[in-house]
Amino acid sequence: MKRPWSKPVRREWPELPAAGFIRGRAATVADVDSGEAVFCQQSDGGELAAPWPTDVPQYALWREETGAVIPTIVIQAEAHIHEPSEAIFGLQRTDGSTVVATASEVELLGQRRPD
């Protein structure tokens, strides 16, 4: 299967983390404060967003605004609180920095280390 974006070479991909991610639930402010999550979506009434049904953690490619394709690891996946049919991802770059991205900016690669 040909990928729509160019893929980084294998040496750029770290192992998936054993901790430091949110799986199966929406992140809270405490999760963000502790570094376990990148963002928290909460309504004015305090209701949290729903988790997005995908594997966390997993490898992904993120296309930033400049068009560069960056290897990342998905550490959080949630349905957009106002558009529940759209996913929002918390990504960790290989340098440890994090970014919030929409589904249109992300290509999910799964839990097997890319070749």
N, C-alpha and C. Protein backbone atom coordinates (compact mmCIF):
# COMPACT_ATOMS: atom_id res chain seq x y z
N MET A 1 0.84 -1.18 0.00
CA MET A 1 0.00 0.00 0.00
C MET A 1 0.89 1.24 0.00
N LYS A 2 0.67 2.12 -0.92
CA LYS A 2 1.44 3.36 -0.99
C LYS A 2 0.85 4.39 -0.04
N ARG A 3 1.70 4.99 0.74
CA ARG A 3 1.25 6.00 1.69
C ARG A 3 1.15 7.35 0.98
N PRO A 4 0.15 8.17 1.37
CA PRO A 4 -0.01 9.46 0.72
C PRO A 4 1.10 10.45 1.05
N TRP A 5 1.82 10.24 2.14
CA TRP A 5 2.88 11.15 2.54
C TRP A 5 4.18 10.37 2.59
N SER A 6 5.29 11.06 2.42
CA SER A 6 6.58 10.38 2.51
C SER A 6 6.81 9.98 3.96
N LYS A 7 7.38 8.82 4.15
CA LYS A 7 7.55 8.23 5.46
C LYS A 7 9.00 8.39 5.93
N PRO A 8 9.23 8.71 7.22
CA PRO A 8 10.59 8.84 7.72
C PRO A 8 11.30 7.48 7.73
N VAL A 9 12.61 7.52 7.77
CA VAL A 9 13.36 6.28 7.85
C VAL A 9 13.22 5.67 9.24
N ARG A 10 13.40 4.36 9.34
CA ARG A 10 13.15 3.62 10.57
C ARG A 10 13.90 4.19 11.78
N ARG A 11 15.14 4.63 11.61
CA ARG A 11 15.91 5.07 12.76
C ARG A 11 15.28 6.26 13.47
N GLU A 12 14.33 6.93 12.84
CA GLU A 12 13.67 8.07 13.46
C GLU A 12 12.53 7.66 14.40
N TRP A 13 12.15 6.40 14.40
CA TRP A 13 10.99 5.96 15.17
C TRP A 13 11.44 5.34 16.50
N PRO A 14 11.06 5.93 17.63
CA PRO A 14 11.36 5.32 18.93
C PRO A 14 10.38 4.17 19.21
N GLU A 15 10.63 3.43 20.27
CA GLU A 15 9.67 2.43 20.72
C GLU A 15 8.43 3.16 21.27
N LEU A 16 7.28 2.51 21.21
CA LEU A 16 6.07 3.09 21.81
C LEU A 16 6.24 3.15 23.33
N PRO A 17 5.74 4.19 23.95
CA PRO A 17 5.88 4.30 25.41
C PRO A 17 4.99 3.31 26.14
N ALA A 18 5.42 2.92 27.33
CA ALA A 18 4.63 2.04 28.19
C ALA A 18 3.73 2.86 29.12
N ALA A 19 4.00 4.15 29.23
CA ALA A 19 3.21 5.06 30.08
C ALA A 19 3.31 6.45 29.47
N GLY A 20 2.51 7.39 30.02
CA GLY A 20 2.58 8.76 29.53
C GLY A 20 1.62 9.03 28.40
N PHE A 21 0.47 8.37 28.41
CA PHE A 21 -0.55 8.57 27.39
C PHE A 21 -1.92 8.34 28.02
N ILE A 22 -2.97 8.75 27.30
CA ILE A 22 -4.36 8.58 27.76
C ILE A 22 -5.04 7.60 26.81
N ARG A 23 -5.61 6.53 27.36
CA ARG A 23 -6.27 5.53 26.54
C ARG A 23 -7.65 5.21 27.12
N GLY A 24 -8.67 5.20 26.24
CA GLY A 24 -10.00 4.76 26.65
C GLY A 24 -10.84 5.77 27.41
N ARG A 25 -10.35 6.98 27.54
CA ARG A 25 -11.12 8.02 28.23
C ARG A 25 -10.63 9.39 27.77
N ALA A 26 -11.39 10.41 28.10
CA ALA A 26 -10.97 11.78 27.79
C ALA A 26 -10.01 12.27 28.86
N ALA A 27 -9.12 13.13 28.46
CA ALA A 27 -8.15 13.70 29.40
C ALA A 27 -8.79 14.76 30.27
N THR A 28 -8.26 14.89 31.46
CA THR A 28 -8.69 15.93 32.40
C THR A 28 -7.59 17.00 32.49
N VAL A 29 -7.91 18.09 33.16
CA VAL A 29 -6.92 19.14 33.39
C VAL A 29 -5.74 18.56 34.19
N ALA A 30 -6.03 17.68 35.13
CA ALA A 30 -4.97 17.05 35.93
C ALA A 30 -4.04 16.22 35.04
N ASP A 31 -4.58 15.56 34.03
CA ASP A 31 -3.75 14.79 33.09
C ASP A 31 -2.80 15.70 32.32
N VAL A 32 -3.31 16.85 31.89
CA VAL A 32 -2.46 17.81 31.17
C VAL A 32 -1.38 18.35 32.11
N ASP A 33 -1.79 18.71 33.33
CA ASP A 33 -0.84 19.25 34.30
C ASP A 33 0.27 18.26 34.63
N SER A 34 -0.05 16.95 34.62
CA SER A 34 0.95 15.93 34.96
C SER A 34 1.78 15.50 33.75
N GLY A 35 1.42 15.98 32.56
CA GLY A 35 2.15 15.62 31.36
C GLY A 35 1.67 14.34 30.69
N GLU A 36 0.60 13.75 31.21
CA GLU A 36 0.05 12.53 30.61
C GLU A 36 -0.76 12.82 29.36
N ALA A 37 -1.24 14.05 29.20
CA ALA A 37 -2.08 14.44 28.06
C ALA A 37 -1.58 15.77 27.50
N VAL A 38 -1.96 16.02 26.25
CA VAL A 38 -1.56 17.24 25.55
C VAL A 38 -2.63 18.32 25.70
N PHE A 39 -3.89 17.92 25.77
CA PHE A 39 -4.99 18.88 25.84
C PHE A 39 -6.13 18.31 26.66
N CYS A 40 -7.06 19.19 27.04
CA CYS A 40 -8.29 18.79 27.73
C CYS A 40 -9.44 19.53 27.08
N GLN A 41 -10.43 18.79 26.63
CA GLN A 41 -11.64 19.40 26.08
C GLN A 41 -12.73 19.27 27.14
N GLN A 42 -13.26 20.38 27.55
CA GLN A 42 -14.29 20.39 28.59
C GLN A 42 -15.32 21.46 28.25
N SER A 43 -16.59 21.10 28.35
CA SER A 43 -17.65 22.07 28.09
C SER A 43 -17.76 23.05 29.24
N ASP A 44 -18.53 24.12 29.03
CA ASP A 44 -18.75 25.10 30.10
C ASP A 44 -19.38 24.45 31.32
N GLY A 45 -20.15 23.38 31.10
CA GLY A 45 -20.79 22.67 32.21
C GLY A 45 -19.90 21.62 32.85
N GLY A 46 -18.66 21.48 32.36
CA GLY A 46 -17.72 20.53 32.96
C GLY A 46 -17.71 19.16 32.30
N GLU A 47 -18.56 18.96 31.28
CA GLU A 47 -18.60 17.66 30.59
C GLU A 47 -17.35 17.50 29.72
N LEU A 48 -16.72 16.32 29.79
CA LEU A 48 -15.53 16.03 29.00
C LEU A 48 -15.91 15.44 27.65
N ALA A 49 -15.01 15.53 26.70
CA ALA A 49 -15.20 14.93 25.38
C ALA A 49 -15.14 13.40 25.52
N ALA A 50 -15.52 12.70 24.46
CA ALA A 50 -15.46 11.24 24.45
C ALA A 50 -14.13 10.79 23.86
N PRO A 51 -13.63 9.63 24.29
CA PRO A 51 -12.42 9.12 23.66
C PRO A 51 -12.70 8.72 22.20
N TRP A 52 -11.69 8.82 21.35
CA TRP A 52 -11.81 8.43 19.94
C TRP A 52 -11.42 6.95 19.84
N PRO A 53 -12.19 6.16 19.11
CA PRO A 53 -11.92 4.71 19.04
C PRO A 53 -10.73 4.37 18.13
N THR A 54 -9.54 4.42 18.69
CA THR A 54 -8.32 4.04 17.97
C THR A 54 -7.29 3.58 18.99
N ASP A 55 -6.26 2.90 18.52
CA ASP A 55 -5.20 2.44 19.42
C ASP A 55 -4.35 3.61 19.90
N VAL A 56 -4.12 3.65 21.20
CA VAL A 56 -3.24 4.64 21.82
C VAL A 56 -2.35 3.89 22.80
N PRO A 57 -1.05 4.03 22.68
CA PRO A 57 -0.29 4.82 21.72
C PRO A 57 -0.17 4.09 20.38
N GLN A 58 0.16 4.86 19.35
CA GLN A 58 0.49 4.31 18.05
C GLN A 58 1.32 5.32 17.27
N TYR A 59 1.96 4.81 16.23
CA TYR A 59 2.78 5.67 15.37
C TYR A 59 1.88 6.45 14.42
N ALA A 60 2.32 7.65 14.05
CA ALA A 60 1.56 8.48 13.12
C ALA A 60 2.50 9.46 12.43
N LEU A 61 2.05 9.94 11.29
CA LEU A 61 2.72 11.03 10.60
C LEU A 61 1.84 12.26 10.74
N TRP A 62 2.46 13.39 11.05
CA TRP A 62 1.74 14.65 11.17
C TRP A 62 2.26 15.60 10.11
N ARG A 63 1.35 16.17 9.34
CA ARG A 63 1.72 17.17 8.34
C ARG A 63 1.48 18.54 8.94
N GLU A 64 2.60 19.25 9.19
CA GLU A 64 2.47 20.58 9.77
C GLU A 64 2.13 21.60 8.69
N GLU A 65 1.84 22.83 9.10
CA GLU A 65 1.39 23.87 8.18
C GLU A 65 2.35 24.13 7.03
N THR A 66 3.65 23.94 7.26
CA THR A 66 4.63 24.18 6.20
C THR A 66 4.63 23.07 5.15
N GLY A 67 3.92 21.97 5.43
CA GLY A 67 3.91 20.82 4.53
C GLY A 67 4.88 19.74 4.94
N ALA A 68 5.75 20.03 5.92
CA ALA A 68 6.69 19.02 6.40
C ALA A 68 5.93 17.88 7.05
N VAL A 69 6.43 16.67 6.85
CA VAL A 69 5.83 15.47 7.44
C VAL A 69 6.71 15.04 8.61
N ILE A 70 6.12 14.99 9.79
CA ILE A 70 6.85 14.77 11.03
C ILE A 70 6.44 13.44 11.66
N PRO A 71 7.39 12.58 12.02
CA PRO A 71 7.04 11.35 12.74
C PRO A 71 6.60 11.67 14.16
N THR A 72 5.51 11.06 14.59
CA THR A 72 4.98 11.31 15.93
C THR A 72 4.43 10.01 16.52
N ILE A 73 4.07 10.10 17.78
CA ILE A 73 3.34 9.02 18.46
C ILE A 73 2.05 9.62 19.00
N VAL A 74 0.94 8.95 18.71
CA VAL A 74 -0.36 9.37 19.25
C VAL A 74 -0.38 9.01 20.72
N ILE A 75 -0.54 10.02 21.58
CA ILE A 75 -0.62 9.76 23.02
C ILE A 75 -2.00 10.11 23.58
N GLN A 76 -2.88 10.58 22.70
CA GLN A 76 -4.23 10.95 23.11
C GLN A 76 -5.10 11.04 21.87
N ALA A 77 -6.33 10.54 21.95
CA ALA A 77 -7.26 10.61 20.82
C ALA A 77 -8.67 10.81 21.37
N GLU A 78 -9.29 11.90 20.97
CA GLU A 78 -10.63 12.22 21.46
C GLU A 78 -11.51 12.73 20.33
N ALA A 79 -12.81 12.56 20.51
CA ALA A 79 -13.78 13.17 19.60
C ALA A 79 -13.82 14.66 19.92
N HIS A 80 -13.91 15.48 18.90
CA HIS A 80 -14.01 16.93 19.11
C HIS A 80 -15.27 17.18 19.93
N ILE A 81 -15.17 17.97 20.97
CA ILE A 81 -16.30 18.16 21.89
C ILE A 81 -17.51 18.81 21.21
N HIS A 82 -17.29 19.64 20.18
CA HIS A 82 -18.40 20.29 19.49
C HIS A 82 -18.75 19.61 18.17
N GLU A 83 -17.87 18.80 17.65
CA GLU A 83 -18.08 18.04 16.41
C GLU A 83 -17.69 16.59 16.68
N PRO A 84 -18.54 15.81 17.37
CA PRO A 84 -18.17 14.46 17.81
C PRO A 84 -17.78 13.48 16.70
N SER A 85 -18.07 13.81 15.44
CA SER A 85 -17.67 12.92 14.35
C SER A 85 -16.25 13.20 13.87
N GLU A 86 -15.57 14.18 14.48
CA GLU A 86 -14.21 14.54 14.10
C GLU A 86 -13.24 14.24 15.24
N ALA A 87 -12.07 13.70 14.88
CA ALA A 87 -11.07 13.34 15.88
C ALA A 87 -10.08 14.48 16.10
N ILE A 88 -9.61 14.56 17.34
CA ILE A 88 -8.52 15.45 17.73
C ILE A 88 -7.45 14.55 18.36
N PHE A 89 -6.20 14.74 17.95
CA PHE A 89 -5.12 13.90 18.46
C PHE A 89 -4.10 14.72 19.22
N GLY A 90 -3.62 14.16 20.31
CA GLY A 90 -2.46 14.68 21.01
C GLY A 90 -1.27 13.86 20.54
N LEU A 91 -0.28 14.53 19.96
CA LEU A 91 0.87 13.85 19.38
C LEU A 91 2.14 14.24 20.11
N GLN A 92 3.05 13.28 20.21
CA GLN A 92 4.38 13.57 20.75
C GLN A 92 5.38 13.36 19.63
N ARG A 93 6.16 14.40 19.37
CA ARG A 93 7.20 14.33 18.35
C ARG A 93 8.40 13.57 18.91
N THR A 94 9.29 13.13 18.04
CA THR A 94 10.45 12.37 18.49
C THR A 94 11.40 13.19 19.35
N ASP A 95 11.30 14.52 19.30
CA ASP A 95 12.13 15.37 20.16
C ASP A 95 11.47 15.61 21.53
N GLY A 96 10.29 15.00 21.75
CA GLY A 96 9.59 15.12 23.03
C GLY A 96 8.55 16.23 23.07
N SER A 97 8.57 17.14 22.11
CA SER A 97 7.56 18.20 22.09
C SER A 97 6.21 17.62 21.68
N THR A 98 5.15 18.34 21.99
CA THR A 98 3.81 17.85 21.70
C THR A 98 3.05 18.83 20.82
N VAL A 99 2.01 18.31 20.18
CA VAL A 99 1.17 19.11 19.30
C VAL A 99 -0.24 18.54 19.32
N VAL A 100 -1.22 19.40 19.12
CA VAL A 100 -2.61 18.99 18.95
C VAL A 100 -2.92 19.08 17.47
N ALA A 101 -3.52 18.03 16.91
CA ALA A 101 -3.78 18.00 15.47
C ALA A 101 -5.15 17.40 15.18
N THR A 102 -5.71 17.82 14.06
CA THR A 102 -6.98 17.25 13.61
C THR A 102 -6.70 16.01 12.75
N ALA A 103 -7.73 15.24 12.51
CA ALA A 103 -7.59 14.00 11.75
C ALA A 103 -7.06 14.26 10.34
N SER A 104 -7.41 15.38 9.74
CA SER A 104 -6.95 15.68 8.38
C SER A 104 -5.44 15.94 8.32
N GLU A 105 -4.82 16.20 9.46
CA GLU A 105 -3.38 16.46 9.52
C GLU A 105 -2.56 15.23 9.89
N VAL A 106 -3.24 14.11 10.17
CA VAL A 106 -2.58 12.94 10.74
C VAL A 106 -2.83 11.70 9.90
N GLU A 107 -1.79 10.92 9.69
CA GLU A 107 -1.91 9.59 9.10
C GLU A 107 -1.53 8.58 10.17
N LEU A 108 -2.51 7.80 10.62
CA LEU A 108 -2.26 6.80 11.64
C LEU A 108 -1.54 5.61 11.01
N LEU A 109 -0.51 5.10 11.70
CA LEU A 109 0.30 4.02 11.15
C LEU A 109 0.21 2.71 11.94
N GLY A 110 -0.45 2.73 13.09
CA GLY A 110 -0.60 1.51 13.87
C GLY A 110 0.48 1.36 14.93
N GLN A 111 0.43 0.22 15.62
CA GLN A 111 1.32 0.01 16.77
C GLN A 111 2.62 -0.72 16.41
N ARG A 112 2.72 -1.20 15.20
CA ARG A 112 3.97 -1.85 14.76
C ARG A 112 4.94 -0.77 14.27
N ARG A 113 6.16 -0.84 14.74
CA ARG A 113 7.16 0.17 14.36
C ARG A 113 7.32 0.20 12.86
N PRO A 114 7.14 1.38 12.25
CA PRO A 114 7.24 1.49 10.79
C PRO A 114 8.64 1.12 10.28
N ASP A 115 8.67 0.51 9.12
CA ASP A 115 9.96 0.14 8.49
C ASP A 115 10.63 1.32 7.86
